[in-house]
Amino acid sequence: MEEFYGKLAEILEVDEVNGSDVLEDLPEWDSLSVLSVIAMIDCGYGINLNARDFKQVGTAQSLYELIEQKRGV
């Protein structure tokens, strides 16, 4: 999980991302960062998400949980 938050922080160009961080509240969260996160999830986790999937997640933790759910973990 910490590795995922680290990758997310790198994409958003912030020092750190915590599970409780609301993604849409982050000033760095925009359409380009969403696309970058989609690409990171696809390459790093083998999960194909689309922008619509992001509407059901609010926090970094809920995004991680969605990935785990889709991976069947």
C-alpha atoms as a PDB file:
ATOM      1  CA  MET A   1       0.000   0.000   0.000  1.00  0.00           C
ATOM      2  CA  GLU A   2       2.799   2.431   0.870  1.00  0.00           C
ATOM      3  CA  GLU A   3       4.372   1.783  -2.537  1.00  0.00           C
ATOM      4  CA  PHE A   4       1.074   2.723  -4.193  1.00  0.00           C
ATOM      5  CA  TYR A   5       0.826   5.948  -2.177  1.00  0.00           C
ATOM      6  CA  GLY A   6       4.430   6.749  -3.113  1.00  0.00           C
ATOM      7  CA  LYS A   7       3.702   6.316  -6.821  1.00  0.00           C
ATOM      8  CA  LEU A   8       0.590   8.446  -6.460  1.00  0.00           C
ATOM      9  CA  ALA A   9       2.594  11.178  -4.709  1.00  0.00           C
ATOM     10  CA  GLU A  10       5.181  11.057  -7.490  1.00  0.00           C
ATOM     11  CA  ILE A  11       2.520  11.525 -10.170  1.00  0.00           C
ATOM     12  CA  LEU A  12       0.926  14.383  -8.242  1.00  0.00           C
ATOM     13  CA  GLU A  13       4.334  15.891  -7.488  1.00  0.00           C
ATOM     14  CA  VAL A  14       3.652  16.156  -3.756  1.00  0.00           C
ATOM     15  CA  ASP A  15       5.739  15.017  -0.788  1.00  0.00           C
ATOM     16  CA  GLU A  16       3.314  12.307   0.292  1.00  0.00           C
ATOM     17  CA  VAL A  17      -0.176  10.944  -0.131  1.00  0.00           C
ATOM     18  CA  ASN A  18      -2.083   9.406   2.773  1.00  0.00           C
ATOM     19  CA  GLY A  19      -4.964   6.984   2.555  1.00  0.00           C
ATOM     20  CA  SER A  20      -7.362   9.546   3.995  1.00  0.00           C
ATOM     21  CA  ASP A  21      -6.501  12.183   1.362  1.00  0.00           C
ATOM     22  CA  VAL A  22      -9.545  13.093  -0.717  1.00  0.00           C
ATOM     23  CA  LEU A  23      -8.241  13.019  -4.273  1.00  0.00           C
ATOM     24  CA  GLU A  24     -10.518  15.715  -5.671  1.00  0.00           C
ATOM     25  CA  ASP A  25      -9.479  18.076  -2.856  1.00  0.00           C
ATOM     26  CA  LEU A  26      -5.821  17.939  -3.902  1.00  0.00           C
ATOM     27  CA  PRO A  27      -4.941  20.974  -6.053  1.00  0.00           C
ATOM     28  CA  GLU A  28      -2.729  18.742  -8.196  1.00  0.00           C
ATOM     29  CA  TRP A  29      -5.610  16.359  -9.026  1.00  0.00           C
ATOM     30  CA  ASP A  30      -6.707  17.163 -12.574  1.00  0.00           C
ATOM     31  CA  SER A  31      -7.569  15.331 -15.777  1.00  0.00           C
ATOM     32  CA  LEU A  32      -3.904  14.836 -16.680  1.00  0.00           C
ATOM     33  CA  SER A  33      -3.112  13.346 -13.278  1.00  0.00           C
ATOM     34  CA  VAL A  34      -6.131  11.015 -13.596  1.00  0.00           C
ATOM     35  CA  LEU A  35      -4.779   9.774 -16.936  1.00  0.00           C
ATOM     36  CA  SER A  36      -1.324   9.325 -15.430  1.00  0.00           C
ATOM     37  CA  VAL A  37      -2.771   7.345 -12.509  1.00  0.00           C
ATOM     38  CA  ILE A  38      -4.782   5.181 -14.925  1.00  0.00           C
ATOM     39  CA  ALA A  39      -1.578   4.435 -16.856  1.00  0.00           C
ATOM     40  CA  MET A  40       0.352   3.683 -13.637  1.00  0.00           C
ATOM     41  CA  ILE A  41      -2.350   1.288 -12.444  1.00  0.00           C
ATOM     42  CA  ASP A  42      -2.458  -0.443 -15.819  1.00  0.00           C
ATOM     43  CA  CYS A  43       1.323  -0.874 -16.034  1.00  0.00           C
ATOM     44  CA  GLY A  44       2.007  -1.559 -12.368  1.00  0.00           C
ATOM     45  CA  TYR A  45      -0.997  -3.629 -11.384  1.00  0.00           C
ATOM     46  CA  GLY A  46      -2.413  -4.964 -14.662  1.00  0.00           C
ATOM     47  CA  ILE A  47      -5.785  -3.367 -13.937  1.00  0.00           C
ATOM     48  CA  ASN A  48      -7.662  -1.369 -16.546  1.00  0.00           C
ATOM     49  CA  LEU A  49      -9.593   1.495 -15.006  1.00  0.00           C
ATOM     50  CA  ASN A  50     -11.334   4.334 -16.762  1.00  0.00           C
ATOM     51  CA  ALA A  51     -12.275   7.819 -15.666  1.00  0.00           C
ATOM     52  CA  ARG A  52     -15.752   6.586 -14.701  1.00  0.00           C
ATOM     53  CA  ASP A  53     -14.192   4.261 -12.111  1.00  0.00           C
ATOM     54  CA  PHE A  54     -12.754   7.299 -10.343  1.00  0.00           C
ATOM     55  CA  LYS A  55     -16.236   8.651  -9.622  1.00  0.00           C
ATOM     56  CA  GLN A  56     -16.812   5.837  -7.127  1.00  0.00           C
ATOM     57  CA  VAL A  57     -13.621   6.536  -5.184  1.00  0.00           C
ATOM     58  CA  GLY A  58     -13.046   9.516  -2.975  1.00  0.00           C
ATOM     59  CA  THR A  59      -9.844   8.870  -1.098  1.00  0.00           C
ATOM     60  CA  ALA A  60      -6.472   7.409  -1.986  1.00  0.00           C
ATOM     61  CA  GLN A  61      -7.338   4.417   0.200  1.00  0.00           C
ATOM     62  CA  SER A  62     -10.619   3.763  -1.621  1.00  0.00           C
ATOM     63  CA  LEU A  63      -8.720   3.867  -4.930  1.00  0.00           C
ATOM     64  CA  TYR A  64      -6.249   1.320  -3.586  1.00  0.00           C
ATOM     65  CA  GLU A  65      -9.133  -0.846  -2.353  1.00  0.00           C
ATOM     66  CA  LEU A  66     -10.759  -0.704  -5.798  1.00  0.00           C
ATOM     67  CA  ILE A  67      -7.522  -1.931  -7.372  1.00  0.00           C
ATOM     68  CA  GLU A  68      -7.266  -4.749  -4.840  1.00  0.00           C
ATOM     69  CA  GLN A  69     -10.899  -5.673  -5.470  1.00  0.00           C
ATOM     70  CA  LYS A  70     -10.345  -5.819  -9.232  1.00  0.00           C
ATOM     71  CA  ARG A  71      -7.181  -7.886  -8.697  1.00  0.00           C
ATOM     72  CA  GLY A  72      -9.216 -10.317  -6.632  1.00  0.00           C
ATOM     73  CA  VAL A  73      -7.053  -9.853  -3.553  1.00  0.00           C
END
